[in-house]
Amino acid sequence: GMARNADDDNDASNDMIQSILNEWKWLKQVLRHSGTSDSLTTTSSSDWIIDNSDDVGTAALTFFRQVVFTHMDAQSLNILTPSEGFLFDSEDSDDSGNDVAVTRKSSAPKDGSGREKASVRLIDFEYTGLNPRAVDIANTFCEHTNMNNLEPKYEEQYPTDKQQDVFLHAYVTRANPTVAKQLSRIENGWEIFLSVARDEIGRDTLLSNIGWAIWAVAQASMSKIDFDYLRYARLRIDGYYYFKERYWGGHE
């Protein structure tokens, strides 16, 4: 029975690997961009000029195709947000009654009591690398689908347009205030920019799903951790095909 299960797993792995190889060949071809972002690595973002609404779509593609340092695994288990119980004064006491000085390394905003507000902390940087911004964001949006519990509902749980807009508006405003200010001065500037951004990120969800599917198939044969990697790989492949249909029209 165990031998048969192992053989079944090997067959399943081989089938998935062949599907992945076929899709990767197609995906590499369609993701070859037109060169919009080639000059971005040498151009200061402060030099960007968006004169009118005709420039907004190009600016969105240029911004989100910019190659930057990315986390590539920014999902719920790797984003720490201390609860209100972690708010602290400049000096606290430990259990022995001794005063304990608290060292601050950041100028975090204060709440009404004058204590520091909890800040977001990212952990687990083993998958970081240089990638287009859109790919990193696409990965996080995919993780919004309850992937950690192996119960993704892609259509229901992928961020809505409104949710994406809230995130992307905050992201752009923080990452490039110059672009944000120019968009605010153009009629429908943000609306056009965010619409193009959502589509670009949506297309890049395929990279997230195929990448983690490859990872899972590899882990299934190497890892000693008790986890159903092949099931995870199948879910990721399902996600790949769902988003291929949604953002690429399912074309071959």
C-alpha atoms as a PDB file:
ATOM      1  CA  GLY A   1       0.000   0.000   0.000  1.00  0.00           C
ATOM      2  CA  MET A   2       2.770   2.431   0.903  1.00  0.00           C
ATOM      3  CA  ALA A   3       4.668   1.623  -2.277  1.00  0.00           C
ATOM      4  CA  ARG A   4       1.558   2.176  -4.332  1.00  0.00           C
ATOM      5  CA  ASN A   5       0.956   5.546  -2.626  1.00  0.00           C
ATOM      6  CA  ALA A   6       4.532   6.547  -3.325  1.00  0.00           C
ATOM      7  CA  ASP A   7       4.102   5.562  -6.967  1.00  0.00           C
ATOM      8  CA  ASP A   8       0.850   7.519  -7.149  1.00  0.00           C
ATOM      9  CA  ASP A   9       2.577  10.547  -5.689  1.00  0.00           C
ATOM     10  CA  ASN A  10       5.399  10.225  -8.195  1.00  0.00           C
ATOM     11  CA  ASP A  11       2.921  10.000 -11.061  1.00  0.00           C
ATOM     12  CA  ALA A  12       1.044  13.031  -9.752  1.00  0.00           C
ATOM     13  CA  SER A  13       4.304  14.949  -9.383  1.00  0.00           C
ATOM     14  CA  ASN A  14       5.379  14.072 -12.917  1.00  0.00           C
ATOM     15  CA  ASP A  15       2.016  15.148 -14.340  1.00  0.00           C
ATOM     16  CA  MET A  16       2.179  18.452 -12.479  1.00  0.00           C
ATOM     17  CA  ILE A  17       5.760  19.051 -13.532  1.00  0.00           C
ATOM     18  CA  GLN A  18       4.818  18.558 -17.191  1.00  0.00           C
ATOM     19  CA  SER A  19       1.874  20.967 -16.854  1.00  0.00           C
ATOM     20  CA  ILE A  20       4.095  23.508 -15.120  1.00  0.00           C
ATOM     21  CA  LEU A  21       6.781  23.239 -17.812  1.00  0.00           C
ATOM     22  CA  ASN A  22       4.225  23.808 -20.564  1.00  0.00           C
ATOM     23  CA  GLU A  23       2.715  26.807 -18.790  1.00  0.00           C
ATOM     24  CA  TRP A  24       6.093  28.292 -17.902  1.00  0.00           C
ATOM     25  CA  LYS A  25       7.095  28.229 -21.560  1.00  0.00           C
ATOM     26  CA  TRP A  26       3.912  30.145 -22.444  1.00  0.00           C
ATOM     27  CA  LEU A  27       4.173  32.509 -19.501  1.00  0.00           C
ATOM     28  CA  LYS A  28       7.743  33.552 -20.282  1.00  0.00           C
ATOM     29  CA  GLN A  29       6.665  34.564 -23.774  1.00  0.00           C
ATOM     30  CA  VAL A  30       3.651  36.655 -22.751  1.00  0.00           C
ATOM     31  CA  LEU A  31       5.404  38.362 -19.840  1.00  0.00           C
ATOM     32  CA  ARG A  32       8.205  39.750 -21.978  1.00  0.00           C
ATOM     33  CA  HIS A  33       7.392  43.413 -21.537  1.00  0.00           C
ATOM     34  CA  SER A  34       7.738  46.028 -24.233  1.00  0.00           C
ATOM     35  CA  GLY A  35      10.653  47.781 -22.493  1.00  0.00           C
ATOM     36  CA  THR A  36       8.509  50.402 -20.740  1.00  0.00           C
ATOM     37  CA  SER A  37      10.509  50.087 -17.530  1.00  0.00           C
ATOM     38  CA  ASP A  38      14.016  49.646 -18.954  1.00  0.00           C
ATOM     39  CA  SER A  39      15.178  53.140 -18.046  1.00  0.00           C
ATOM     40  CA  LEU A  40      13.705  53.126 -14.581  1.00  0.00           C
ATOM     41  CA  THR A  41      16.703  51.719 -12.783  1.00  0.00           C
ATOM     42  CA  THR A  42      18.764  54.719 -13.883  1.00  0.00           C
ATOM     43  CA  THR A  43      16.086  57.393 -13.649  1.00  0.00           C
ATOM     44  CA  SER A  44      15.321  59.134 -10.382  1.00  0.00           C
ATOM     45  CA  SER A  45      11.654  58.840  -9.463  1.00  0.00           C
ATOM     46  CA  SER A  46      11.689  62.559  -8.680  1.00  0.00           C
ATOM     47  CA  ASP A  47      12.203  63.185 -12.414  1.00  0.00           C
ATOM     48  CA  TRP A  48       8.886  61.614 -13.381  1.00  0.00           C
ATOM     49  CA  ILE A  49       6.514  64.006 -15.116  1.00  0.00           C
ATOM     50  CA  ILE A  50       2.888  63.040 -15.697  1.00  0.00           C
ATOM     51  CA  ASP A  51       1.422  65.913 -17.696  1.00  0.00           C
ATOM     52  CA  ASN A  52      -2.072  64.657 -18.422  1.00  0.00           C
ATOM     53  CA  SER A  53      -4.394  61.671 -18.317  1.00  0.00           C
ATOM     54  CA  ASP A  54      -2.839  60.254 -21.506  1.00  0.00           C
ATOM     55  CA  ASP A  55       0.406  59.692 -19.563  1.00  0.00           C
ATOM     56  CA  VAL A  56      -1.184  58.012 -16.550  1.00  0.00           C
ATOM     57  CA  GLY A  57      -1.491  54.456 -17.940  1.00  0.00           C
ATOM     58  CA  THR A  58       2.132  54.419 -19.060  1.00  0.00           C
ATOM     59  CA  ALA A  59       3.212  55.797 -15.681  1.00  0.00           C
ATOM     60  CA  ALA A  60       1.343  53.001 -13.904  1.00  0.00           C
ATOM     61  CA  LEU A  61       3.005  50.289 -15.991  1.00  0.00           C
ATOM     62  CA  THR A  62       6.391  51.929 -15.568  1.00  0.00           C
ATOM     63  CA  PHE A  63       6.006  52.176 -11.793  1.00  0.00           C
ATOM     64  CA  PHE A  64       4.755  48.648 -11.195  1.00  0.00           C
ATOM     65  CA  ARG A  65       7.263  47.078 -13.580  1.00  0.00           C
ATOM     66  CA  GLN A  66      10.120  48.792 -11.782  1.00  0.00           C
ATOM     67  CA  VAL A  67      12.569  46.198 -10.461  1.00  0.00           C
ATOM     68  CA  VAL A  68      13.063  46.699  -6.720  1.00  0.00           C
ATOM     69  CA  PHE A  69      14.027  44.713  -3.628  1.00  0.00           C
ATOM     70  CA  THR A  70      11.002  42.520  -2.888  1.00  0.00           C
ATOM     71  CA  HIS A  71       9.994  40.271  -0.003  1.00  0.00           C
ATOM     72  CA  MET A  72       8.041  37.737  -2.118  1.00  0.00           C
ATOM     73  CA  ASP A  73       6.415  36.021   0.869  1.00  0.00           C
ATOM     74  CA  ALA A  74       4.501  38.836   2.558  1.00  0.00           C
ATOM     75  CA  GLN A  75       1.596  36.735   3.808  1.00  0.00           C
ATOM     76  CA  SER A  76      -0.236  36.773   7.123  1.00  0.00           C
ATOM     77  CA  LEU A  77       2.186  34.509   8.991  1.00  0.00           C
ATOM     78  CA  ASN A  78       5.108  36.758   8.059  1.00  0.00           C
ATOM     79  CA  ILE A  79       3.491  40.103   8.934  1.00  0.00           C
ATOM     80  CA  LEU A  80       3.583  40.793  12.659  1.00  0.00           C
ATOM     81  CA  THR A  81       1.303  43.410  14.197  1.00  0.00           C
ATOM     82  CA  PRO A  82       1.699  43.640  17.989  1.00  0.00           C
ATOM     83  CA  SER A  83      -1.572  43.962  19.863  1.00  0.00           C
ATOM     84  CA  GLU A  84      -2.424  46.999  21.967  1.00  0.00           C
ATOM     85  CA  GLY A  85      -0.944  45.177  24.905  1.00  0.00           C
ATOM     86  CA  PHE A  86       2.484  45.823  23.448  1.00  0.00           C
ATOM     87  CA  LEU A  87       2.105  49.587  23.656  1.00  0.00           C
ATOM     88  CA  PHE A  88       4.654  50.794  26.155  1.00  0.00           C
ATOM     89  CA  ASP A  89       5.898  53.854  27.975  1.00  0.00           C
ATOM     90  CA  SER A  90       9.492  55.007  27.860  1.00  0.00           C
ATOM     91  CA  GLU A  91      10.192  53.023  31.026  1.00  0.00           C
ATOM     92  CA  ASP A  92       8.423  49.887  32.202  1.00  0.00           C
ATOM     93  CA  SER A  93       8.973  47.682  35.213  1.00  0.00           C
ATOM     94  CA  ASP A  94       9.781  44.019  35.022  1.00  0.00           C
ATOM     95  CA  ASP A  95       8.357  41.388  37.356  1.00  0.00           C
ATOM     96  CA  SER A  96      10.939  42.098  40.027  1.00  0.00           C
ATOM     97  CA  GLY A  97       9.895  45.731  40.261  1.00  0.00           C
ATOM     98  CA  ASN A  98      13.073  46.985  38.651  1.00  0.00           C
ATOM     99  CA  ASP A  99      12.712  49.709  36.075  1.00  0.00           C
ATOM    100  CA  VAL A 100      13.502  48.492  32.584  1.00  0.00           C
ATOM    101  CA  ALA A 101      14.540  51.037  29.996  1.00  0.00           C
ATOM    102  CA  VAL A 102      12.968  50.495  26.588  1.00  0.00           C
ATOM    103  CA  THR A 103      15.173  51.269  23.623  1.00  0.00           C
ATOM    104  CA  ARG A 104      13.436  52.738  20.595  1.00  0.00           C
ATOM    105  CA  LYS A 105      15.048  52.533  17.184  1.00  0.00           C
ATOM    106  CA  SER A 106      12.255  54.238  15.306  1.00  0.00           C
ATOM    107  CA  SER A 107      10.078  57.306  15.561  1.00  0.00           C
ATOM    108  CA  ALA A 108       6.787  55.428  15.647  1.00  0.00           C
ATOM    109  CA  PRO A 109       3.632  57.529  16.044  1.00  0.00           C
ATOM    110  CA  LYS A 110       2.166  57.874  19.509  1.00  0.00           C
ATOM    111  CA  ASP A 111      -1.346  57.063  20.604  1.00  0.00           C
ATOM    112  CA  GLY A 112      -3.416  59.313  22.850  1.00  0.00           C
ATOM    113  CA  SER A 113      -1.566  58.232  25.999  1.00  0.00           C
ATOM    114  CA  GLY A 114       1.825  59.180  24.596  1.00  0.00           C
ATOM    115  CA  ARG A 115       2.852  55.555  24.270  1.00  0.00           C
ATOM    116  CA  GLU A 116       4.248  54.192  21.031  1.00  0.00           C
ATOM    117  CA  LYS A 117       1.807  52.644  18.606  1.00  0.00           C
ATOM    118  CA  ALA A 118       2.389  49.082  17.461  1.00  0.00           C
ATOM    119  CA  SER A 119       4.202  48.889  14.138  1.00  0.00           C
ATOM    120  CA  VAL A 120       4.136  46.290  11.405  1.00  0.00           C
ATOM    121  CA  ARG A 121       7.133  43.987  11.240  1.00  0.00           C
ATOM    122  CA  LEU A 122       8.012  41.683   8.346  1.00  0.00           C
ATOM    123  CA  ILE A 123       9.864  38.431   9.019  1.00  0.00           C
ATOM    124  CA  ASP A 124      11.224  35.526   6.938  1.00  0.00           C
ATOM    125  CA  PHE A 125      13.260  37.090   4.165  1.00  0.00           C
ATOM    126  CA  GLU A 126      14.534  33.866   2.573  1.00  0.00           C
ATOM    127  CA  TYR A 127      12.654  34.445  -0.691  1.00  0.00           C
ATOM    128  CA  THR A 128      13.634  38.065  -1.192  1.00  0.00           C
ATOM    129  CA  GLY A 129      15.111  39.245  -4.462  1.00  0.00           C
ATOM    130  CA  LEU A 130      15.003  41.819  -7.223  1.00  0.00           C
ATOM    131  CA  ASN A 131      11.631  41.661  -8.955  1.00  0.00           C
ATOM    132  CA  PRO A 132       9.038  44.003 -10.447  1.00  0.00           C
ATOM    133  CA  ARG A 133       6.892  45.642  -7.771  1.00  0.00           C
ATOM    134  CA  ALA A 134       3.750  44.123  -9.301  1.00  0.00           C
ATOM    135  CA  VAL A 135       5.019  40.577  -8.790  1.00  0.00           C
ATOM    136  CA  ASP A 136       5.559  41.081  -5.051  1.00  0.00           C
ATOM    137  CA  ILE A 137       2.125  42.691  -4.647  1.00  0.00           C
ATOM    138  CA  ALA A 138       0.494  39.962  -6.752  1.00  0.00           C
ATOM    139  CA  ASN A 139       1.974  37.367  -4.416  1.00  0.00           C
ATOM    140  CA  THR A 140       0.496  39.096  -1.365  1.00  0.00           C
ATOM    141  CA  PHE A 141      -2.898  39.440  -3.057  1.00  0.00           C
ATOM    142  CA  CYS A 142      -2.845  35.692  -3.808  1.00  0.00           C
ATOM    143  CA  GLU A 143      -2.110  34.996  -0.133  1.00  0.00           C
ATOM    144  CA  HIS A 144      -5.309  36.897   0.683  1.00  0.00           C
ATOM    145  CA  THR A 145      -7.171  33.734  -0.413  1.00  0.00           C
ATOM    146  CA  ASN A 146      -6.652  31.690   2.771  1.00  0.00           C
ATOM    147  CA  MET A 147      -3.734  29.847   1.258  1.00  0.00           C
ATOM    148  CA  ASN A 148      -2.181  29.091   4.660  1.00  0.00           C
ATOM    149  CA  ASN A 149      -5.115  26.863   5.607  1.00  0.00           C
ATOM    150  CA  LEU A 150      -5.186  25.199   2.173  1.00  0.00           C
ATOM    151  CA  GLU A 151      -8.687  26.572   1.607  1.00  0.00           C
ATOM    152  CA  PRO A 152      -8.295  29.264  -1.053  1.00  0.00           C
ATOM    153  CA  LYS A 153     -11.477  30.575  -2.629  1.00  0.00           C
ATOM    154  CA  TYR A 154      -9.964  32.567  -5.440  1.00  0.00           C
ATOM    155  CA  GLU A 155     -13.050  34.315  -6.743  1.00  0.00           C
ATOM    156  CA  GLU A 156     -14.443  35.184  -3.319  1.00  0.00           C
ATOM    157  CA  GLN A 157     -11.263  35.988  -1.426  1.00  0.00           C
ATOM    158  CA  TYR A 158      -8.932  37.677  -3.911  1.00  0.00           C
ATOM    159  CA  PRO A 159      -8.953  41.382  -2.927  1.00  0.00           C
ATOM    160  CA  THR A 160     -11.816  43.353  -4.445  1.00  0.00           C
ATOM    161  CA  ASP A 161     -11.099  46.368  -6.640  1.00  0.00           C
ATOM    162  CA  LYS A 162     -11.877  48.617  -3.685  1.00  0.00           C
ATOM    163  CA  GLN A 163      -9.556  46.710  -1.352  1.00  0.00           C
ATOM    164  CA  GLN A 164      -6.785  46.772  -3.941  1.00  0.00           C
ATOM    165  CA  ASP A 165      -7.247  50.499  -4.466  1.00  0.00           C
ATOM    166  CA  VAL A 166      -6.898  51.232  -0.740  1.00  0.00           C
ATOM    167  CA  PHE A 167      -3.668  49.210  -0.579  1.00  0.00           C
ATOM    168  CA  LEU A 168      -2.209  50.555  -3.826  1.00  0.00           C
ATOM    169  CA  HIS A 169      -3.045  54.187  -3.039  1.00  0.00           C
ATOM    170  CA  ALA A 170      -1.204  53.879   0.276  1.00  0.00           C
ATOM    171  CA  TYR A 171       1.687  52.011  -1.370  1.00  0.00           C
ATOM    172  CA  VAL A 172       2.227  54.569  -4.128  1.00  0.00           C
ATOM    173  CA  THR A 173       1.831  57.538  -1.776  1.00  0.00           C
ATOM    174  CA  ARG A 174       4.541  56.134   0.478  1.00  0.00           C
ATOM    175  CA  ALA A 175       6.849  54.747  -2.215  1.00  0.00           C
ATOM    176  CA  ASN A 176       6.699  57.712  -4.593  1.00  0.00           C
ATOM    177  CA  PRO A 177       5.112  60.918  -3.237  1.00  0.00           C
ATOM    178  CA  THR A 178       6.045  62.731  -6.470  1.00  0.00           C
ATOM    179  CA  VAL A 179       3.879  60.435  -8.572  1.00  0.00           C
ATOM    180  CA  ALA A 180       1.070  60.547  -6.003  1.00  0.00           C
ATOM    181  CA  LYS A 181       0.959  64.361  -6.038  1.00  0.00           C
ATOM    182  CA  GLN A 182       0.888  64.485  -9.829  1.00  0.00           C
ATOM    183  CA  LEU A 183      -1.929  61.933  -9.994  1.00  0.00           C
ATOM    184  CA  SER A 184      -3.969  64.016  -7.551  1.00  0.00           C
ATOM    185  CA  ARG A 185      -3.700  67.040  -9.850  1.00  0.00           C
ATOM    186  CA  ILE A 186      -4.950  65.203 -12.940  1.00  0.00           C
ATOM    187  CA  GLU A 187      -8.650  64.642 -13.501  1.00  0.00           C
ATOM    188  CA  ASN A 188      -9.395  60.939 -12.942  1.00  0.00           C
ATOM    189  CA  GLY A 189      -5.647  60.461 -12.488  1.00  0.00           C
ATOM    190  CA  TRP A 190      -5.856  58.003  -9.622  1.00  0.00           C
ATOM    191  CA  GLU A 191      -8.798  56.146 -11.147  1.00  0.00           C
ATOM    192  CA  ILE A 192      -6.927  55.476 -14.402  1.00  0.00           C
ATOM    193  CA  PHE A 193      -3.648  54.688 -12.620  1.00  0.00           C
ATOM    194  CA  LEU A 194      -5.214  52.187 -10.232  1.00  0.00           C
ATOM    195  CA  SER A 195      -7.219  50.456 -12.955  1.00  0.00           C
ATOM    196  CA  VAL A 196      -4.069  49.816 -14.996  1.00  0.00           C
ATOM    197  CA  ALA A 197      -2.221  48.760 -11.839  1.00  0.00           C
ATOM    198  CA  ARG A 198      -4.865  46.197 -10.864  1.00  0.00           C
ATOM    199  CA  ASP A 199      -4.684  44.575 -14.291  1.00  0.00           C
ATOM    200  CA  GLU A 200      -0.895  44.494 -14.282  1.00  0.00           C
ATOM    201  CA  ILE A 201      -0.797  42.925 -10.825  1.00  0.00           C
ATOM    202  CA  GLY A 202      -3.550  40.484 -11.790  1.00  0.00           C
ATOM    203  CA  ARG A 203      -1.542  39.238 -14.746  1.00  0.00           C
ATOM    204  CA  ASP A 204       1.451  38.707 -12.469  1.00  0.00           C
ATOM    205  CA  THR A 205      -0.528  36.461 -10.122  1.00  0.00           C
ATOM    206  CA  LEU A 206       0.432  33.668 -12.505  1.00  0.00           C
ATOM    207  CA  LEU A 207       4.064  34.044 -11.474  1.00  0.00           C
ATOM    208  CA  SER A 208       3.136  33.678  -7.816  1.00  0.00           C
ATOM    209  CA  ASN A 209       1.058  30.569  -8.364  1.00  0.00           C
ATOM    210  CA  ILE A 210       3.411  28.788 -10.723  1.00  0.00           C
ATOM    211  CA  GLY A 211       6.413  29.677  -8.558  1.00  0.00           C
ATOM    212  CA  TRP A 212       4.915  28.239  -5.383  1.00  0.00           C
ATOM    213  CA  ALA A 213       3.629  25.191  -7.288  1.00  0.00           C
ATOM    214  CA  ILE A 214       7.205  24.435  -8.384  1.00  0.00           C
ATOM    215  CA  TRP A 215       8.410  24.974  -4.812  1.00  0.00           C
ATOM    216  CA  ALA A 216       5.768  22.612  -3.424  1.00  0.00           C
ATOM    217  CA  VAL A 217       6.520  19.812  -5.901  1.00  0.00           C
ATOM    218  CA  ALA A 218      10.199  20.065  -5.002  1.00  0.00           C
ATOM    219  CA  GLN A 219       9.431  20.062  -1.270  1.00  0.00           C
ATOM    220  CA  ALA A 220       7.226  16.975  -1.661  1.00  0.00           C
ATOM    221  CA  SER A 221      10.261  14.918  -2.607  1.00  0.00           C
ATOM    222  CA  MET A 222      12.779  16.530  -0.233  1.00  0.00           C
ATOM    223  CA  SER A 223      11.114  17.831   2.903  1.00  0.00           C
ATOM    224  CA  LYS A 224      10.697  15.766   6.070  1.00  0.00           C
ATOM    225  CA  ILE A 225       7.998  18.124   7.355  1.00  0.00           C
ATOM    226  CA  ASP A 226       4.555  16.542   7.709  1.00  0.00           C
ATOM    227  CA  PHE A 227       2.700  18.694   5.178  1.00  0.00           C
ATOM    228  CA  ASP A 228       0.699  17.799   2.079  1.00  0.00           C
ATOM    229  CA  TYR A 229       2.907  19.602  -0.420  1.00  0.00           C
ATOM    230  CA  LEU A 230       1.288  17.969  -3.442  1.00  0.00           C
ATOM    231  CA  ARG A 231      -2.132  19.200  -2.343  1.00  0.00           C
ATOM    232  CA  TYR A 232      -0.667  22.665  -1.954  1.00  0.00           C
ATOM    233  CA  ALA A 233       0.853  22.409  -5.438  1.00  0.00           C
ATOM    234  CA  ARG A 234      -2.509  21.386  -6.912  1.00  0.00           C
ATOM    235  CA  LEU A 235      -4.215  24.352  -5.237  1.00  0.00           C
ATOM    236  CA  ARG A 236      -1.579  26.680  -6.656  1.00  0.00           C
ATOM    237  CA  ILE A 237      -2.011  25.224 -10.137  1.00  0.00           C
ATOM    238  CA  ASP A 238      -5.771  25.671  -9.771  1.00  0.00           C
ATOM    239  CA  GLY A 239      -5.083  29.298  -8.880  1.00  0.00           C
ATOM    240  CA  TYR A 240      -2.811  29.663 -11.882  1.00  0.00           C
ATOM    241  CA  TYR A 241      -5.546  28.534 -14.277  1.00  0.00           C
ATOM    242  CA  TYR A 242      -8.202  30.633 -12.540  1.00  0.00           C
ATOM    243  CA  PHE A 243      -6.159  33.823 -12.872  1.00  0.00           C
ATOM    244  CA  LYS A 244      -5.028  32.917 -16.376  1.00  0.00           C
ATOM    245  CA  GLU A 245      -8.677  32.868 -17.420  1.00  0.00           C
ATOM    246  CA  ARG A 246      -9.479  36.039 -15.450  1.00  0.00           C
ATOM    247  CA  TYR A 247      -6.571  38.232 -16.513  1.00  0.00           C
ATOM    248  CA  TRP A 248      -5.317  36.689 -19.736  1.00  0.00           C
ATOM    249  CA  GLY A 249      -8.616  35.479 -21.152  1.00  0.00           C
ATOM    250  CA  GLY A 250      -7.386  31.910 -20.832  1.00  0.00           C
ATOM    251  CA  HIS A 251      -5.686  32.139 -24.205  1.00  0.00           C
ATOM    252  CA  GLU A 252      -2.979  29.703 -25.130  1.00  0.00           C
END
